[in-house]
PDB file of N, CA and C in Angstrom:
ATOM      1  N   MET A   1      12.134 -24.861  12.312  1.00  0.00           N
ATOM      2  CA  MET A   1      11.523 -23.127  12.433  1.00  0.00           C
ATOM      3  C   MET A   1      10.516 -23.281  10.887  1.00  0.00           C
ATOM      4  N   SER A   2       9.084 -22.941  10.825  1.00  0.00           N
ATOM      5  CA  SER A   2       8.370 -22.984   9.870  1.00  0.00           C
ATOM      6  C   SER A   2       8.804 -21.312   9.141  1.00  0.00           C
ATOM      7  N   LYS A   3       8.893 -21.867   8.011  1.00  0.00           N
ATOM      8  CA  LYS A   3       9.130 -19.921   7.526  1.00  0.00           C
ATOM      9  C   LYS A   3       7.511 -19.467   6.397  1.00  0.00           C
ATOM     10  N   GLU A   4       8.255 -18.266   6.863  1.00  0.00           N
ATOM     11  CA  GLU A   4       6.682 -17.412   7.362  1.00  0.00           C
ATOM     12  C   GLU A   4       5.941 -17.044   5.766  1.00  0.00           C
ATOM     13  N   PRO A   5       4.716 -16.543   5.571  1.00  0.00           N
ATOM     14  CA  PRO A   5       4.581 -16.899   3.837  1.00  0.00           C
ATOM     15  C   PRO A   5       4.306 -15.220   3.006  1.00  0.00           C
ATOM     16  N   GLU A   6       4.856 -15.519   1.922  1.00  0.00           N
ATOM     17  CA  GLU A   6       5.431 -14.696   1.684  1.00  0.00           C
ATOM     18  C   GLU A   6       3.880 -14.075   0.993  1.00  0.00           C
ATOM     19  N   PRO A   7       3.689 -12.188   1.171  1.00  0.00           N
ATOM     20  CA  PRO A   7       2.367 -11.448   0.499  1.00  0.00           C
ATOM     21  C   PRO A   7       2.310 -10.975  -0.781  1.00  0.00           C
ATOM     22  N   ASN A   8       0.749 -11.107  -1.364  1.00  0.00           N
ATOM     23  CA  ASN A   8       1.197 -11.171  -2.293  1.00  0.00           C
ATOM     24  C   ASN A   8       1.349  -9.523  -2.445  1.00  0.00           C
ATOM     25  N   ARG A   9       2.333  -9.434  -3.722  1.00  0.00           N
ATOM     26  CA  ARG A   9       2.969  -8.527  -4.120  1.00  0.00           C
ATOM     27  C   ARG A   9       2.772  -8.443  -5.860  1.00  0.00           C
ATOM     28  N   SER A  10       3.078  -6.701  -5.484  1.00  0.00           N
ATOM     29  CA  SER A  10       2.764  -6.563  -7.154  1.00  0.00           C
ATOM     30  C   SER A  10       4.372  -6.313  -7.433  1.00  0.00           C
ATOM     31  N   GLU A  11       4.711  -5.577  -8.827  1.00  0.00           N
ATOM     32  CA  GLU A  11       6.215  -6.502  -9.172  1.00  0.00           C
ATOM     33  C   GLU A  11       7.335  -5.775  -8.201  1.00  0.00           C
ATOM     34  N   ASP A  12       6.941  -4.075  -7.386  1.00  0.00           N
ATOM     35  CA  ASP A  12       7.787  -4.086  -6.039  1.00  0.00           C
ATOM     36  C   ASP A  12       7.945  -4.747  -5.026  1.00  0.00           C
ATOM     37  N   THR A  13       9.592  -5.625  -5.177  1.00  0.00           N
ATOM     38  CA  THR A  13       9.282  -6.446  -3.807  1.00  0.00           C
ATOM     39  C   THR A  13      10.852  -5.582  -2.266  1.00  0.00           C
ATOM     40  N   SER A  14      10.727  -4.587  -3.319  1.00  0.00           N
ATOM     41  CA  SER A  14      11.990  -3.757  -2.685  1.00  0.00           C
ATOM     42  C   SER A  14      10.872  -3.740  -0.907  1.00  0.00           C
ATOM     43  N   LEU A  15      10.500  -3.642  -0.470  1.00  0.00           N
ATOM     44  CA  LEU A  15       9.407  -3.098   0.529  1.00  0.00           C
ATOM     45  C   LEU A  15       9.744  -3.766   2.252  1.00  0.00           C
ATOM     46  N   PRO A  16       9.776  -3.386   2.534  1.00  0.00           N
ATOM     47  CA  PRO A  16      10.322  -3.360   4.453  1.00  0.00           C
ATOM     48  C   PRO A  16       9.448  -4.473   4.350  1.00  0.00           C
ATOM     49  N   ASN A  17       9.943  -5.922   5.593  1.00  0.00           N
ATOM     50  CA  ASN A  17       9.338  -7.085   6.228  1.00  0.00           C
ATOM     51  C   ASN A  17       8.895  -6.241   7.661  1.00  0.00           C
ATOM     52  N   ALA A  18       9.186  -5.531   7.761  1.00  0.00           N
ATOM     53  CA  ALA A  18       8.769  -5.486   9.636  1.00  0.00           C
ATOM     54  C   ALA A  18       7.955  -5.168   9.635  1.00  0.00           C
ATOM     55  N   PRO A  19       7.020  -4.173   8.580  1.00  0.00           N
ATOM     56  CA  PRO A  19       5.107  -4.026   9.263  1.00  0.00           C
ATOM     57  C   PRO A  19       4.328  -5.367   8.875  1.00  0.00           C
ATOM     58  N   LEU A  20       5.298  -6.202   8.228  1.00  0.00           N
ATOM     59  CA  LEU A  20       4.315  -7.183   7.404  1.00  0.00           C
ATOM     60  C   LEU A  20       4.105  -8.457   9.151  1.00  0.00           C
ATOM     61  N   ARG A  21       5.490  -7.978   9.811  1.00  0.00           N
ATOM     62  CA  ARG A  21       5.547  -8.986  10.795  1.00  0.00           C
ATOM     63  C   ARG A  21       4.323  -8.868  11.757  1.00  0.00           C
ATOM     64  N   ARG A  22       4.550  -7.621  12.405  1.00  0.00           N
ATOM     65  CA  ARG A  22       3.418  -6.412  13.517  1.00  0.00           C
ATOM     66  C   ARG A  22       2.462  -7.539  13.102  1.00  0.00           C
ATOM     67  N   LEU A  23       2.189  -7.412  11.763  1.00  0.00           N
ATOM     68  CA  LEU A  23       0.913  -7.698  10.861  1.00  0.00           C
ATOM     69  C   LEU A  23      -0.144  -9.178  11.480  1.00  0.00           C
ATOM     70  N   GLN A  24       0.873  -9.790  11.770  1.00  0.00           N
ATOM     71  CA  GLN A  24       0.820 -11.228  11.982  1.00  0.00           C
ATOM     72  C   GLN A  24      -0.227 -11.502  12.785  1.00  0.00           C
ATOM     73  N   GLY A  25      -0.600 -11.348  13.821  1.00  0.00           N
ATOM     74  CA  GLY A  25      -1.482 -11.334  15.149  1.00  0.00           C
ATOM     75  C   GLY A  25      -3.276 -10.791  14.581  1.00  0.00           C
ATOM     76  N   VAL A  26      -3.154 -10.000  13.419  1.00  0.00           N
ATOM     77  CA  VAL A  26      -4.235  -9.565  13.365  1.00  0.00           C
ATOM     78  C   VAL A  26      -5.129 -10.740  12.247  1.00  0.00           C
ATOM     79  N   GLY A  27      -4.307 -11.503  11.892  1.00  0.00           N
ATOM     80  CA  GLY A  27      -5.206 -12.382  10.446  1.00  0.00           C
ATOM     81  C   GLY A  27      -4.299 -12.649   9.431  1.00  0.00           C
ATOM     82  N   SER A  28      -5.183 -11.868   8.414  1.00  0.00           N
ATOM     83  CA  SER A  28      -4.231 -12.287   7.437  1.00  0.00           C
ATOM     84  C   SER A  28      -3.823 -11.230   7.090  1.00  0.00           C
ATOM     85  N   ILE A  29      -2.154 -11.321   5.875  1.00  0.00           N
ATOM     86  CA  ILE A  29      -1.151 -10.520   5.439  1.00  0.00           C
ATOM     87  C   ILE A  29      -2.326  -9.884   4.184  1.00  0.00           C
ATOM     88  N   PRO A  30      -2.143  -8.043   4.485  1.00  0.00           N
ATOM     89  CA  PRO A  30      -2.805  -8.130   3.663  1.00  0.00           C
ATOM     90  C   PRO A  30      -1.892  -7.088   1.885  1.00  0.00           C
ATOM     91  N   LYS A  31      -3.194  -7.297   0.960  1.00  0.00           N
ATOM     92  CA  LYS A  31      -2.242  -7.232  -0.256  1.00  0.00           C
ATOM     93  C   LYS A  31      -1.812  -6.261  -0.484  1.00  0.00           C
ATOM     94  N   ILE A  32      -0.726  -5.824  -1.223  1.00  0.00           N
ATOM     95  CA  ILE A  32       0.609  -5.239  -1.101  1.00  0.00           C
ATOM     96  C   ILE A  32       0.626  -4.281  -2.736  1.00  0.00           C
ATOM     97  N   ILE A  33      -0.336  -3.421  -2.775  1.00  0.00           N
ATOM     98  CA  ILE A  33       0.176  -2.306  -4.492  1.00  0.00           C
ATOM     99  C   ILE A  33       1.090  -1.754  -4.540  1.00  0.00           C
ATOM    100  N   SER A  34       1.970  -1.550  -4.930  1.00  0.00           N
ATOM    101  CA  SER A  34       2.568  -0.387  -5.470  1.00  0.00           C
ATOM    102  C   SER A  34       1.927   0.836  -5.780  1.00  0.00           C
ATOM    103  N   PHE A  35       2.277   1.939  -5.546  1.00  0.00           N
ATOM    104  CA  PHE A  35       1.544   3.180  -5.609  1.00  0.00           C
ATOM    105  C   PHE A  35       1.704   3.583  -7.190  1.00  0.00           C
ATOM    106  N   ALA A  36       2.381   2.894  -8.090  1.00  0.00           N
ATOM    107  CA  ALA A  36       2.816   2.861  -9.509  1.00  0.00           C
ATOM    108  C   ALA A  36       1.913   2.673 -10.122  1.00  0.00           C
ATOM    109  N   GLU A  37       1.549   0.998  -9.728  1.00  0.00           N
ATOM    110  CA  GLU A  37       0.912   0.432  -9.703  1.00  0.00           C
ATOM    111  C   GLU A  37      -1.066   1.507 -10.370  1.00  0.00           C
ATOM    112  N   LEU A  38      -0.827   1.685  -8.675  1.00  0.00           N
ATOM    113  CA  LEU A  38      -2.687   2.498  -8.361  1.00  0.00           C
ATOM    114  C   LEU A  38      -2.888   3.273  -9.391  1.00  0.00           C
ATOM    115  N   CYS A  39      -1.586   3.821  -9.354  1.00  0.00           N
ATOM    116  CA  CYS A  39      -1.775   5.401  -9.794  1.00  0.00           C
ATOM    117  C   CYS A  39      -0.516   5.507 -11.379  1.00  0.00           C
ATOM    118  N   ARG A  40      -1.145   4.294 -12.542  1.00  0.00           N
ATOM    119  CA  ARG A  40      -0.681   4.441 -13.475  1.00  0.00           C
ATOM    120  C   ARG A  40      -1.173   5.835 -14.197  1.00  0.00           C
ATOM    121  N   CYS A  41      -1.938   6.867 -14.411  1.00  0.00           N
ATOM    122  CA  CYS A  41      -1.931   7.922 -15.031  1.00  0.00           C
ATOM    123  C   CYS A  41      -0.951   9.359 -14.803  1.00  0.00           C
ATOM    124  N   GLY A  42      -0.668   9.529 -13.201  1.00  0.00           N
ATOM    125  CA  GLY A  42       0.229  10.828 -13.030  1.00  0.00           C
ATOM    126  C   GLY A  42       0.501  10.330 -11.416  1.00  0.00           C
ATOM    127  N   ASP A  43       0.979  11.349 -10.192  1.00  0.00           N
ATOM    128  CA  ASP A  43       0.752  10.674  -9.531  1.00  0.00           C
ATOM    129  C   ASP A  43      -0.334  11.300  -8.584  1.00  0.00           C
ATOM    130  N   GLU A  44      -1.266  10.972  -8.697  1.00  0.00           N
ATOM    131  CA  GLU A  44      -2.659  11.043  -7.501  1.00  0.00           C
ATOM    132  C   GLU A  44      -3.727   9.658  -7.994  1.00  0.00           C
ATOM    133  N   VAL A  45      -4.260   9.778  -6.888  1.00  0.00           N
ATOM    134  CA  VAL A  45      -5.357   8.764  -7.052  1.00  0.00           C
ATOM    135  C   VAL A  45      -6.631   8.994  -6.379  1.00  0.00           C
ATOM    136  N   TRP A  46      -7.661   9.582  -6.690  1.00  0.00           N
ATOM    137  CA  TRP A  46      -9.517  10.212  -5.868  1.00  0.00           C
ATOM    138  C   TRP A  46      -9.739   8.325  -5.777  1.00  0.00           C
ATOM    139  N   ILE A  47      -9.730   8.121  -4.246  1.00  0.00           N
ATOM    140  CA  ILE A  47     -10.352   7.298  -3.559  1.00  0.00           C
ATOM    141  C   ILE A  47     -11.970   7.501  -3.249  1.00  0.00           C
ATOM    142  N   GLU A  48     -13.092   6.451  -3.193  1.00  0.00           N
ATOM    143  CA  GLU A  48     -14.561   6.456  -2.757  1.00  0.00           C
ATOM    144  C   GLU A  48     -14.382   5.479  -1.461  1.00  0.00           C
ATOM    145  N   ASN A  49     -15.124   5.631  -0.021  1.00  0.00           N
ATOM    146  CA  ASN A  49     -15.253   5.882   0.681  1.00  0.00           C
ATOM    147  C   ASN A  49     -16.365   5.795   1.444  1.00  0.00           C
ATOM    148  N   ASP A  50     -17.337   4.652   1.607  1.00  0.00           N
ATOM    149  CA  ASP A  50     -18.678   5.266   2.126  1.00  0.00           C
ATOM    150  C   ASP A  50     -19.249   6.823   1.646  1.00  0.00           C
ATOM    151  N   GLY A  51     -18.973   6.844   0.235  1.00  0.00           N
ATOM    152  CA  GLY A  51     -19.742   8.643   0.362  1.00  0.00           C
ATOM    153  C   GLY A  51     -18.433   9.921   0.355  1.00  0.00           C
ATOM    154  N   ALA A  52     -17.985   9.424   0.802  1.00  0.00           N
ATOM    155  CA  ALA A  52     -16.510  10.343   1.025  1.00  0.00           C
ATOM    156  C   ALA A  52     -15.250   9.860   0.019  1.00  0.00           C
ATOM    157  N   ILE A  53     -15.162  11.391  -0.870  1.00  0.00           N
ATOM    158  CA  ILE A  53     -14.448  11.082  -1.582  1.00  0.00           C
ATOM    159  C   ILE A  53     -12.632  11.699  -1.188  1.00  0.00           C
ATOM    160  N   TYR A  54     -11.489  11.041  -1.349  1.00  0.00           N
ATOM    161  CA  TYR A  54     -10.235  10.729  -0.861  1.00  0.00           C
ATOM    162  C   TYR A  54      -9.372  11.172  -1.976  1.00  0.00           C
ATOM    163  N   ARG A  55      -7.625  11.906  -1.240  1.00  0.00           N
ATOM    164  CA  ARG A  55      -7.254  12.096  -2.716  1.00  0.00           C
ATOM    165  C   ARG A  55      -6.370  12.059  -2.239  1.00  0.00           C
ATOM    166  N   LEU A  56      -4.839  11.149  -2.930  1.00  0.00           N
ATOM    167  CA  LEU A  56      -3.960  10.140  -2.027  1.00  0.00           C
ATOM    168  C   LEU A  56      -3.515  11.041  -3.291  1.00  0.00           C
ATOM    169  N   ARG A  57      -2.104  11.199  -2.856  1.00  0.00           N
ATOM    170  CA  ARG A  57      -1.532  11.580  -3.896  1.00  0.00           C
ATOM    171  C   ARG A  57       0.365  11.648  -3.466  1.00  0.00           C
ATOM    172  N   ARG A  58       1.846  11.582  -4.301  1.00  0.00           N
ATOM    173  CA  ARG A  58       2.539  11.473  -4.381  1.00  0.00           C
ATOM    174  C   ARG A  58       3.461  12.707  -4.417  1.00  0.00           C
ATOM    175  N   THR A  59       4.041  13.361  -3.306  1.00  0.00           N
ATOM    176  CA  THR A  59       5.083  14.200  -3.630  1.00  0.00           C
ATOM    177  C   THR A  59       6.394  14.320  -4.288  1.00  0.00           C
ATOM    178  N   ARG A  60       7.102  15.489  -4.284  1.00  0.00           N
ATOM    179  CA  ARG A  60       7.531  15.723  -5.118  1.00  0.00           C
ATOM    180  C   ARG A  60       9.383  14.651  -4.005  1.00  0.00           C
ATOM    181  N   GLN A  61       8.805  14.195  -3.006  1.00  0.00           N
ATOM    182  CA  GLN A  61      10.538  14.040  -2.227  1.00  0.00           C
ATOM    183  C   GLN A  61       9.423  12.361  -2.175  1.00  0.00           C
ATOM    184  N   GLY A  62       8.179  12.209  -3.142  1.00  0.00           N
ATOM    185  CA  GLY A  62       8.729  10.556  -2.917  1.00  0.00           C
ATOM    186  C   GLY A  62       7.123  10.275  -1.391  1.00  0.00           C
ATOM    187  N   LYS A  63       6.769  11.311  -0.776  1.00  0.00           N
ATOM    188  CA  LYS A  63       5.916  10.876   0.717  1.00  0.00           C
ATOM    189  C   LYS A  63       4.429  10.938  -0.427  1.00  0.00           C
ATOM    190  N   LEU A  64       3.799  10.347   0.585  1.00  0.00           N
ATOM    191  CA  LEU A  64       2.596   9.964   0.244  1.00  0.00           C
ATOM    192  C   LEU A  64       1.473  10.762   1.466  1.00  0.00           C
ATOM    193  N   ILE A  65       0.366  11.933   0.880  1.00  0.00           N
ATOM    194  CA  ILE A  65      -0.717  12.298   1.897  1.00  0.00           C
ATOM    195  C   ILE A  65      -1.796  12.166   0.855  1.00  0.00           C
ATOM    196  N   LEU A  66      -2.503  11.313   1.916  1.00  0.00           N
ATOM    197  CA  LEU A  66      -3.944  11.068   1.843  1.00  0.00           C
ATOM    198  C   LEU A  66      -5.010  12.632   2.365  1.00  0.00           C
ATOM    199  N   THR A  67      -5.582  13.199   1.828  1.00  0.00           N
ATOM    200  CA  THR A  67      -6.709  14.666   2.228  1.00  0.00           C
ATOM    201  C   THR A  67      -8.047  14.196   2.122  1.00  0.00           C
ATOM    202  N   LYS A  68      -8.857  14.587   2.526  1.00  0.00           N
ATOM    203  CA  LYS A  68     -10.928  14.846   2.222  1.00  0.00           C
ATOM    204  C   LYS A  68     -10.623  15.027   1.530  1.00  0.00           C
TER     205      LYS A  68
END
């Protein structure tokens, strides 16, 4: 039995592997970045995609909300 390749991860290695197993048929495993690394200056980050601006923020309960 061959061992599955490990994804590229940031310092946080507590993420479950179940979502990664579902992605195996898609092609390559995505790079995983912790929200803390992505949002170093607070609890939100603004993202531009094809001219549209999105806001990704973390709630007090630790959930992420993406709004346009």
